[in-house]
Every structure is written in structure tokens, then in C-alpha cells.
Amino acid sequence: MIRIAICDNEKNMQNYLFALVTKQDVECEIREYSTSEQYLAENQEFDLVLLDIKLQVPGDGLKLAREIRNGRYVRQPLIIFITAYKEYVYDAFDVDAFQYLLKPVDEERFAEVFGRAIRQILSEDRQQKPPLVIQYAGASRAISLDSIYYVESQGHKVVLHMEGEKLEYYAKLGALEEELYGQFFRIHKGYLVNLSFVDGYNKSSVSISNGEKLLISKYKYADFVKAYLEYVAREG
């Protein structure tokens, strides 16, 4: 059962999107919202959110998307923006939007994008990859493992290196090594690397897809290669 939220302040558009979704060959549960306040008040978790950037005012949908992404929800949905506002297309990438569709929404285009979204939800088996929940700035924050390039130890703290952001908080790298085992590998006493972002390696360093190179311990090299090859074989 795929859980889908439709967020649009125009009832006609809600009805149209509802009809488009129900035409697809997917078993789903659909909830409709006219405002960001309604969505947040119910505190529901979804697999997919069809989100108008305008809602009450232009840009209001982006604010809701940021609320969704700030760790409020353990399950992070795919977001498809559906809007008449072309100028927000680049802002959509800042909240990791899956796609951006312009109104009036073409039925064939919707079916193609919707189908890709559902296939991603099912193929990634996203519920099997719980996020890393940390205490940051006085609140709990859920971090998707797929957003972390690597973790660096700095004294009594660790630093999560992510695209466009670094988060520093109190934790032990050894504890994270156990918690994140399978997708992350400790290549050095100071580094825990996400195997999905490894671009290459040799006996002295590991290249990350963000362009950085991390030092690898000579004592860790053989085990790292084994773990990386097993990860690639498992994840395809």
C-alpha cells in the first residue's frame, strides 16, 4: 500500500490529481490537504507527496517541503512539485524534489513521472533503511543515510559530511560504526565512509563522489575492499 498526499489549495486540482493517481495501476491510500497547516497538524507519514508550490501564497509549498525534510518525519517521502510557477524550479532541488511538473499537468507526462516514483519507492525498499536519528540544536533530527558522504571523528564529536552541509554533534565514531554497519565502513580511526559514495580507492586513499579523498589505514585496506565488493554485489 503506497501512501500518497495531495497538497493543493484548489479543489478542482485536488480532484484532477486524485483522478490521475487512481488511474494508475497502484494500490494506494490518498489523503488531500489544502494548506500546509492541515498537513502538519495530522502528522502523517507518506511515501509520496504531490505538492503545489503556491498553496496559500507563492513559495508556501517550499516551506512545507523544508518542514518535511528537517527531520520531523522518520519516513522521508518522495516529493513531486506540481505548480504553475516556473521560477521555483531550482529551489525544488534544495529540498531533494523527485520531479517538478508544470500546470496544466499532461496526463501522459504525469503517468510517466508517477510510475518512476513508485518504482523507486518499491525498489529501494526504503522502510528497510531507517535514518540516523541525532540530537542537533536541541532537537531530534532524522538524517537519511543516503545523504551522508562520510562521518569524521573530531574529539568527542563527529561531523556528518553531506551535500552542501556539515552537521557536528556529540557522538562516538565506534558506536556509529556498529549502528551503520553494512552501508558504512571505517577506513581509518577518523573516518567512516558511505560505501555507496565510493568512486575509487588504492592502498593509501579512498575517493568519494563529492571529490574528496580520505586516508585509509593500511590495516583496514583488505577488509575495506572485501566490504566494498560485497556491498556492490548486494546493492547492484
C-alpha atoms as a PDB file:
ATOM      1  CA  MET A   1       0.000   0.000   0.000  1.00  0.00           C
ATOM      2  CA  ILE A   2       1.561   3.291  -1.156  1.00  0.00           C
ATOM      3  CA  ARG A   3       0.569   6.285   0.993  1.00  0.00           C
ATOM      4  CA  ILE A   4       0.129   9.465  -1.059  1.00  0.00           C
ATOM      5  CA  ALA A   5      -0.609  13.061  -0.030  1.00  0.00           C
ATOM      6  CA  ILE A   6      -2.086  15.605  -2.446  1.00  0.00           C
ATOM      7  CA  CYS A   7      -1.427  19.169  -1.288  1.00  0.00           C
ATOM      8  CA  ASP A   8      -3.150  21.865  -3.346  1.00  0.00           C
ATOM      9  CA  ASN A   9      -5.414  24.721  -2.305  1.00  0.00           C
ATOM     10  CA  GLU A  10      -7.554  24.437  -5.459  1.00  0.00           C
ATOM     11  CA  LYS A  11     -10.257  21.799  -5.064  1.00  0.00           C
ATOM     12  CA  ASN A  12     -10.505  21.263  -8.822  1.00  0.00           C
ATOM     13  CA  MET A  13      -6.784  20.497  -8.943  1.00  0.00           C
ATOM     14  CA  GLN A  14      -7.071  18.157  -5.967  1.00  0.00           C
ATOM     15  CA  ASN A  15      -9.826  16.284  -7.767  1.00  0.00           C
ATOM     16  CA  TYR A  16      -7.818  16.153 -11.007  1.00  0.00           C
ATOM     17  CA  LEU A  17      -4.704  14.788  -9.298  1.00  0.00           C
ATOM     18  CA  PHE A  18      -6.810  12.308  -7.352  1.00  0.00           C
ATOM     19  CA  ALA A  19      -8.281  11.067 -10.639  1.00  0.00           C
ATOM     20  CA  LEU A  20      -4.841  10.802 -12.248  1.00  0.00           C
ATOM     21  CA  VAL A  21      -3.482   8.781  -9.323  1.00  0.00           C
ATOM     22  CA  THR A  22      -6.445   6.401  -9.250  1.00  0.00           C
ATOM     23  CA  LYS A  23      -5.973   5.716 -12.976  1.00  0.00           C
ATOM     24  CA  GLN A  24      -2.556   4.227 -12.275  1.00  0.00           C
ATOM     25  CA  ASP A  25      -2.260   0.530 -11.549  1.00  0.00           C
ATOM     26  CA  VAL A  26      -1.093   1.052  -7.970  1.00  0.00           C
ATOM     27  CA  GLU A  27      -2.711   0.109  -4.686  1.00  0.00           C
ATOM     28  CA  CYS A  28      -2.614   3.299  -2.673  1.00  0.00           C
ATOM     29  CA  GLU A  29      -4.149   5.357   0.111  1.00  0.00           C
ATOM     30  CA  ILE A  30      -4.669   9.029  -0.735  1.00  0.00           C
ATOM     31  CA  ARG A  31      -5.144  11.978   1.601  1.00  0.00           C
ATOM     32  CA  GLU A  32      -5.849  15.539   0.455  1.00  0.00           C
ATOM     33  CA  TYR A  33      -4.753  18.823   2.034  1.00  0.00           C
ATOM     34  CA  SER A  34      -5.437  22.449   1.137  1.00  0.00           C
ATOM     35  CA  THR A  35      -2.888  24.062   3.471  1.00  0.00           C
ATOM     36  CA  SER A  36       0.471  23.277   4.995  1.00  0.00           C
ATOM     37  CA  GLU A  37      -1.125  23.646   8.447  1.00  0.00           C
ATOM     38  CA  GLN A  38      -3.544  20.819   7.688  1.00  0.00           C
ATOM     39  CA  TYR A  39      -0.727  18.568   6.545  1.00  0.00           C
ATOM     40  CA  LEU A  40       1.464  19.261   9.568  1.00  0.00           C
ATOM     41  CA  ALA A  41      -1.420  19.040  12.061  1.00  0.00           C
ATOM     42  CA  GLU A  42      -2.207  15.445  11.072  1.00  0.00           C
ATOM     43  CA  ASN A  43       1.440  14.446  11.463  1.00  0.00           C
ATOM     44  CA  GLN A  44       1.069  11.613   8.951  1.00  0.00           C
ATOM     45  CA  GLU A  45       3.890   9.864   7.098  1.00  0.00           C
ATOM     46  CA  PHE A  46       3.709   9.310   3.346  1.00  0.00           C
ATOM     47  CA  ASP A  47       5.639   7.584   0.599  1.00  0.00           C
ATOM     48  CA  LEU A  48       4.851  10.265  -1.987  1.00  0.00           C
ATOM     49  CA  VAL A  49       3.708  13.900  -1.743  1.00  0.00           C
ATOM     50  CA  LEU A  50       2.208  15.749  -4.720  1.00  0.00           C
ATOM     51  CA  LEU A  51       2.814  19.320  -3.646  1.00  0.00           C
ATOM     52  CA  ASP A  52       1.732  22.659  -5.093  1.00  0.00           C
ATOM     53  CA  ILE A  53       4.407  25.297  -4.532  1.00  0.00           C
ATOM     54  CA  LYS A  54       1.757  28.003  -4.095  1.00  0.00           C
ATOM     55  CA  LEU A  55      -0.743  26.581  -1.591  1.00  0.00           C
ATOM     56  CA  GLN A  56      -1.884  29.768   0.210  1.00  0.00           C
ATOM     57  CA  VAL A  57       0.858  32.030  -1.196  1.00  0.00           C
ATOM     58  CA  PRO A  58       3.716  31.538  -3.704  1.00  0.00           C
ATOM     59  CA  GLY A  59       6.539  29.616  -2.070  1.00  0.00           C
ATOM     60  CA  ASP A  60       4.404  28.232   0.760  1.00  0.00           C
ATOM     61  CA  GLY A  61       4.758  24.707  -0.612  1.00  0.00           C
ATOM     62  CA  LEU A  62       8.531  25.050  -0.445  1.00  0.00           C
ATOM     63  CA  LYS A  63       8.263  25.910   3.244  1.00  0.00           C
ATOM     64  CA  LEU A  64       6.228  22.756   3.795  1.00  0.00           C
ATOM     65  CA  ALA A  65       8.803  20.714   1.878  1.00  0.00           C
ATOM     66  CA  ARG A  66      11.540  22.086   4.136  1.00  0.00           C
ATOM     67  CA  GLU A  67       9.479  21.129   7.198  1.00  0.00           C
ATOM     68  CA  ILE A  68       9.196  17.604   5.812  1.00  0.00           C
ATOM     69  CA  ARG A  69      12.948  17.430   5.187  1.00  0.00           C
ATOM     70  CA  ASN A  70      14.091  18.884   8.525  1.00  0.00           C
ATOM     71  CA  GLY A  71      13.768  15.587  10.383  1.00  0.00           C
ATOM     72  CA  ARG A  72      10.189  15.975  11.559  1.00  0.00           C
ATOM     73  CA  TYR A  73       9.316  12.634   9.932  1.00  0.00           C
ATOM     74  CA  VAL A  74      11.233   9.369  10.138  1.00  0.00           C
ATOM     75  CA  ARG A  75       9.943   8.238   6.750  1.00  0.00           C
ATOM     76  CA  GLN A  76      11.029  10.719   4.104  1.00  0.00           C
ATOM     77  CA  PRO A  77       8.625  10.811   1.132  1.00  0.00           C
ATOM     78  CA  LEU A  78       9.412  11.475  -2.477  1.00  0.00           C
ATOM     79  CA  ILE A  79       8.156  14.946  -3.403  1.00  0.00           C
ATOM     80  CA  ILE A  80       6.734  15.861  -6.809  1.00  0.00           C
ATOM     81  CA  PHE A  81       6.078  19.574  -7.154  1.00  0.00           C
ATOM     82  CA  ILE A  82       3.085  20.420  -9.317  1.00  0.00           C
ATOM     83  CA  THR A  83       2.814  24.138  -9.994  1.00  0.00           C
ATOM     84  CA  ALA A  84       2.394  26.995 -12.447  1.00  0.00           C
ATOM     85  CA  TYR A  85       5.466  28.790 -11.060  1.00  0.00           C
ATOM     86  CA  LYS A  86       8.491  28.058 -13.271  1.00  0.00           C
ATOM     87  CA  GLU A  87      10.778  30.342 -11.273  1.00  0.00           C
ATOM     88  CA  TYR A  88      10.862  27.928  -8.331  1.00  0.00           C
ATOM     89  CA  VAL A  89      12.308  25.022 -10.277  1.00  0.00           C
ATOM     90  CA  TYR A  90      15.837  25.449  -8.870  1.00  0.00           C
ATOM     91  CA  ASP A  91      14.552  25.836  -5.307  1.00  0.00           C
ATOM     92  CA  ALA A  92      12.902  22.446  -5.697  1.00  0.00           C
ATOM     93  CA  PHE A  93      16.330  20.808  -5.868  1.00  0.00           C
ATOM     94  CA  ASP A  94      17.219  22.243  -2.446  1.00  0.00           C
ATOM     95  CA  VAL A  95      14.568  20.041  -0.841  1.00  0.00           C
ATOM     96  CA  ASP A  96      15.518  16.968  -2.878  1.00  0.00           C
ATOM     97  CA  ALA A  97      12.392  17.017  -5.027  1.00  0.00           C
ATOM     98  CA  PHE A  98      11.901  13.955  -7.188  1.00  0.00           C
ATOM     99  CA  GLN A  99      10.351  15.904 -10.079  1.00  0.00           C
ATOM    100  CA  TYR A 100       8.785  19.240 -10.992  1.00  0.00           C
ATOM    101  CA  LEU A 101       5.646  19.233 -13.155  1.00  0.00           C
ATOM    102  CA  LEU A 102       4.106  22.377 -14.583  1.00  0.00           C
ATOM    103  CA  LYS A 103       0.389  23.089 -14.741  1.00  0.00           C
ATOM    104  CA  PRO A 104      -1.645  22.274 -16.722  1.00  0.00           C
ATOM    105  CA  VAL A 105      -0.452  18.757 -15.970  1.00  0.00           C
ATOM    106  CA  ASP A 106      -0.250  16.495 -19.002  1.00  0.00           C
ATOM    107  CA  GLU A 107      -1.798  13.104 -18.248  1.00  0.00           C
ATOM    108  CA  GLU A 108       0.844  11.064 -20.087  1.00  0.00           C
ATOM    109  CA  ARG A 109       3.692  13.012 -18.503  1.00  0.00           C
ATOM    110  CA  PHE A 110       2.133  12.542 -15.068  1.00  0.00           C
ATOM    111  CA  ALA A 111       1.802   8.782 -15.616  1.00  0.00           C
ATOM    112  CA  GLU A 112       5.468   8.528 -16.628  1.00  0.00           C
ATOM    113  CA  VAL A 113       6.770  10.522 -13.641  1.00  0.00           C
ATOM    114  CA  PHE A 114       4.379   8.845 -11.208  1.00  0.00           C
ATOM    115  CA  GLY A 115       5.434   5.409 -12.455  1.00  0.00           C
ATOM    116  CA  ARG A 116       9.109   6.195 -11.927  1.00  0.00           C
ATOM    117  CA  ALA A 117       8.399   7.456  -8.435  1.00  0.00           C
ATOM    118  CA  ILE A 118       6.507   4.312  -7.476  1.00  0.00           C
ATOM    119  CA  ARG A 119       9.229   2.087  -8.904  1.00  0.00           C
ATOM    120  CA  GLN A 120      11.820   3.929  -6.848  1.00  0.00           C
ATOM    121  CA  ILE A 121       9.749   3.624  -3.685  1.00  0.00           C
ATOM    122  CA  LEU A 122       9.320  -0.114  -4.206  1.00  0.00           C
ATOM    123  CA  SER A 123      12.798  -0.944  -5.485  1.00  0.00           C
ATOM    124  CA  GLU A 124      14.675   0.886  -2.757  1.00  0.00           C
ATOM    125  CA  ASP A 125      12.593  -0.778  -0.068  1.00  0.00           C
ATOM    126  CA  ARG A 126      13.006   2.476   1.785  1.00  0.00           C
ATOM    127  CA  GLN A 127      11.455   1.221   5.015  1.00  0.00           C
ATOM    128  CA  GLN A 128      14.385  -1.192   5.414  1.00  0.00           C
ATOM    129  CA  LYS A 129      16.844   1.728   5.608  1.00  0.00           C
ATOM    130  CA  PRO A 130      15.937   3.647   8.752  1.00  0.00           C
ATOM    131  CA  PRO A 131      17.519   7.096   9.069  1.00  0.00           C
ATOM    132  CA  LEU A 132      20.204   8.115  11.501  1.00  0.00           C
ATOM    133  CA  VAL A 133      18.470   9.967  14.339  1.00  0.00           C
ATOM    134  CA  ILE A 134      20.707  12.507  16.059  1.00  0.00           C
ATOM    135  CA  GLN A 135      20.369  15.218  18.704  1.00  0.00           C
ATOM    136  CA  TYR A 136      21.152  18.508  16.999  1.00  0.00           C
ATOM    137  CA  ALA A 137      20.438  22.095  18.055  1.00  0.00           C
ATOM    138  CA  GLY A 138      18.337  20.900  20.966  1.00  0.00           C
ATOM    139  CA  ALA A 139      16.062  18.656  18.920  1.00  0.00           C
ATOM    140  CA  SER A 140      15.965  15.233  17.329  1.00  0.00           C
ATOM    141  CA  ARG A 141      16.757  15.167  13.634  1.00  0.00           C
ATOM    142  CA  ALA A 142      16.422  12.216  11.258  1.00  0.00           C
ATOM    143  CA  ILE A 143      19.155  12.042   8.615  1.00  0.00           C
ATOM    144  CA  SER A 144      18.828   9.830   5.553  1.00  0.00           C
ATOM    145  CA  LEU A 145      21.853   7.536   5.274  1.00  0.00           C
ATOM    146  CA  ASP A 146      21.894   8.197   1.535  1.00  0.00           C
ATOM    147  CA  SER A 147      22.636  11.874   2.201  1.00  0.00           C
ATOM    148  CA  ILE A 148      25.853  11.257   4.176  1.00  0.00           C
ATOM    149  CA  TYR A 149      29.131  11.037   2.251  1.00  0.00           C
ATOM    150  CA  TYR A 150      31.199  10.156   5.295  1.00  0.00           C
ATOM    151  CA  VAL A 151      31.474  10.665   9.045  1.00  0.00           C
ATOM    152  CA  GLU A 152      34.571  12.245  10.590  1.00  0.00           C
ATOM    153  CA  SER A 153      35.688  11.952  14.194  1.00  0.00           C
ATOM    154  CA  GLN A 154      36.721  15.195  15.914  1.00  0.00           C
ATOM    155  CA  GLY A 155      37.480  14.664  19.564  1.00  0.00           C
ATOM    156  CA  HIS A 156      34.265  13.986  21.460  1.00  0.00           C
ATOM    157  CA  LYS A 157      32.187  14.925  18.426  1.00  0.00           C
ATOM    158  CA  VAL A 158      31.563  13.586  14.942  1.00  0.00           C
ATOM    159  CA  VAL A 159      30.926  15.528  11.756  1.00  0.00           C
ATOM    160  CA  LEU A 160      28.447  14.316   9.144  1.00  0.00           C
ATOM    161  CA  HIS A 161      29.688  15.415   5.722  1.00  0.00           C
ATOM    162  CA  MET A 162      26.694  15.872   3.403  1.00  0.00           C
ATOM    163  CA  GLU A 163      25.999  17.714   0.175  1.00  0.00           C
ATOM    164  CA  GLY A 164      26.066  21.420   0.991  1.00  0.00           C
ATOM    165  CA  GLU A 165      26.011  20.843   4.750  1.00  0.00           C
ATOM    166  CA  LYS A 166      28.063  19.608   7.677  1.00  0.00           C
ATOM    167  CA  LEU A 167      26.496  18.607  10.981  1.00  0.00           C
ATOM    168  CA  GLU A 168      28.598  18.370  14.121  1.00  0.00           C
ATOM    169  CA  TYR A 169      27.276  16.728  17.271  1.00  0.00           C
ATOM    170  CA  TYR A 170      28.394  14.701  20.270  1.00  0.00           C
ATOM    171  CA  ALA A 171      28.821  11.008  19.428  1.00  0.00           C
ATOM    172  CA  LYS A 172      31.439   8.272  19.219  1.00  0.00           C
ATOM    173  CA  LEU A 173      32.589   7.005  15.847  1.00  0.00           C
ATOM    174  CA  GLY A 174      32.804   3.455  17.220  1.00  0.00           C
ATOM    175  CA  ALA A 175      29.115   3.487  18.158  1.00  0.00           C
ATOM    176  CA  LEU A 176      28.181   4.784  14.702  1.00  0.00           C
ATOM    177  CA  GLU A 177      30.345   2.117  13.112  1.00  0.00           C
ATOM    178  CA  GLU A 178      28.169  -0.536  14.740  1.00  0.00           C
ATOM    179  CA  GLU A 179      24.895   1.261  14.032  1.00  0.00           C
ATOM    180  CA  LEU A 180      25.642   1.881  10.346  1.00  0.00           C
ATOM    181  CA  TYR A 181      27.323  -1.442   9.615  1.00  0.00           C
ATOM    182  CA  GLY A 182      26.608  -2.691   6.106  1.00  0.00           C
ATOM    183  CA  GLN A 183      26.419   0.640   4.283  1.00  0.00           C
ATOM    184  CA  PHE A 184      29.345   2.348   6.039  1.00  0.00           C
ATOM    185  CA  PHE A 185      32.894   1.129   6.645  1.00  0.00           C
ATOM    186  CA  ARG A 186      35.548   2.516   8.983  1.00  0.00           C
ATOM    187  CA  ILE A 187      38.586   3.026   6.761  1.00  0.00           C
ATOM    188  CA  HIS A 188      40.603   4.897   9.384  1.00  0.00           C
ATOM    189  CA  LYS A 189      40.331   5.756  13.064  1.00  0.00           C
ATOM    190  CA  GLY A 190      38.984   9.117  11.977  1.00  0.00           C
ATOM    191  CA  TYR A 191      36.688   8.208   9.060  1.00  0.00           C
ATOM    192  CA  LEU A 192      33.544   6.171   8.488  1.00  0.00           C
ATOM    193  CA  VAL A 193      32.756   6.171   4.762  1.00  0.00           C
ATOM    194  CA  ASN A 194      29.440   5.550   2.994  1.00  0.00           C
ATOM    195  CA  LEU A 195      30.182   2.717   0.557  1.00  0.00           C
ATOM    196  CA  SER A 196      27.536   3.967  -1.876  1.00  0.00           C
ATOM    197  CA  PHE A 197      29.619   7.113  -2.491  1.00  0.00           C
ATOM    198  CA  VAL A 198      32.967   5.400  -3.107  1.00  0.00           C
ATOM    199  CA  ASP A 199      34.294   6.348  -6.559  1.00  0.00           C
ATOM    200  CA  GLY A 200      37.635   4.573  -6.328  1.00  0.00           C
ATOM    201  CA  TYR A 201      40.403   3.536  -3.988  1.00  0.00           C
ATOM    202  CA  ASN A 202      44.013   2.495  -3.639  1.00  0.00           C
ATOM    203  CA  LYS A 203      46.153   1.403  -0.713  1.00  0.00           C
ATOM    204  CA  SER A 204      46.537   4.948   0.584  1.00  0.00           C
ATOM    205  CA  SER A 205      43.196   6.683  -0.034  1.00  0.00           C
ATOM    206  CA  VAL A 206      39.513   6.329  -0.879  1.00  0.00           C
ATOM    207  CA  SER A 207      37.939   8.694  -3.436  1.00  0.00           C
ATOM    208  CA  ILE A 208      34.430   9.953  -2.643  1.00  0.00           C
ATOM    209  CA  SER A 209      31.901  11.078  -5.258  1.00  0.00           C
ATOM    210  CA  ASN A 210      31.944  14.619  -3.828  1.00  0.00           C
ATOM    211  CA  GLY A 211      35.566  14.934  -4.989  1.00  0.00           C
ATOM    212  CA  GLU A 212      37.282  14.373  -1.651  1.00  0.00           C
ATOM    213  CA  LYS A 213      39.950  11.775  -0.920  1.00  0.00           C
ATOM    214  CA  LEU A 214      40.140  10.179   2.510  1.00  0.00           C
ATOM    215  CA  LEU A 215      43.143   8.490   4.081  1.00  0.00           C
ATOM    216  CA  ILE A 216      42.777   4.729   4.522  1.00  0.00           C
ATOM    217  CA  SER A 217      44.697   2.752   7.123  1.00  0.00           C
ATOM    218  CA  LYS A 218      46.930   0.046   5.686  1.00  0.00           C
ATOM    219  CA  TYR A 219      45.492  -2.277   8.332  1.00  0.00           C
ATOM    220  CA  LYS A 220      41.959  -1.605   7.083  1.00  0.00           C
ATOM    221  CA  TYR A 221      42.592  -1.910   3.340  1.00  0.00           C
ATOM    222  CA  ALA A 222      41.940  -5.641   2.818  1.00  0.00           C
ATOM    223  CA  ASP A 223      38.766  -5.632   4.918  1.00  0.00           C
ATOM    224  CA  PHE A 224      37.573  -2.473   3.193  1.00  0.00           C
ATOM    225  CA  VAL A 225      37.969  -3.981  -0.279  1.00  0.00           C
ATOM    226  CA  LYS A 226      36.054  -7.073   0.813  1.00  0.00           C
ATOM    227  CA  ALA A 227      33.256  -4.993   2.377  1.00  0.00           C
ATOM    228  CA  TYR A 228      33.030  -2.704  -0.647  1.00  0.00           C
ATOM    229  CA  LEU A 229      32.833  -5.551  -3.181  1.00  0.00           C
ATOM    230  CA  GLU A 230      30.201  -7.305  -1.068  1.00  0.00           C
ATOM    231  CA  TYR A 231      28.205  -4.064  -0.895  1.00  0.00           C
ATOM    232  CA  VAL A 232      28.368  -3.536  -4.666  1.00  0.00           C
ATOM    233  CA  ALA A 233      27.294  -7.129  -5.314  1.00  0.00           C
ATOM    234  CA  ARG A 234      24.432  -6.817  -2.835  1.00  0.00           C
ATOM    235  CA  GLU A 235      23.155  -3.423  -3.968  1.00  0.00           C
ATOM    236  CA  GLY A 236      23.789  -3.978  -7.691  1.00  0.00           C
END
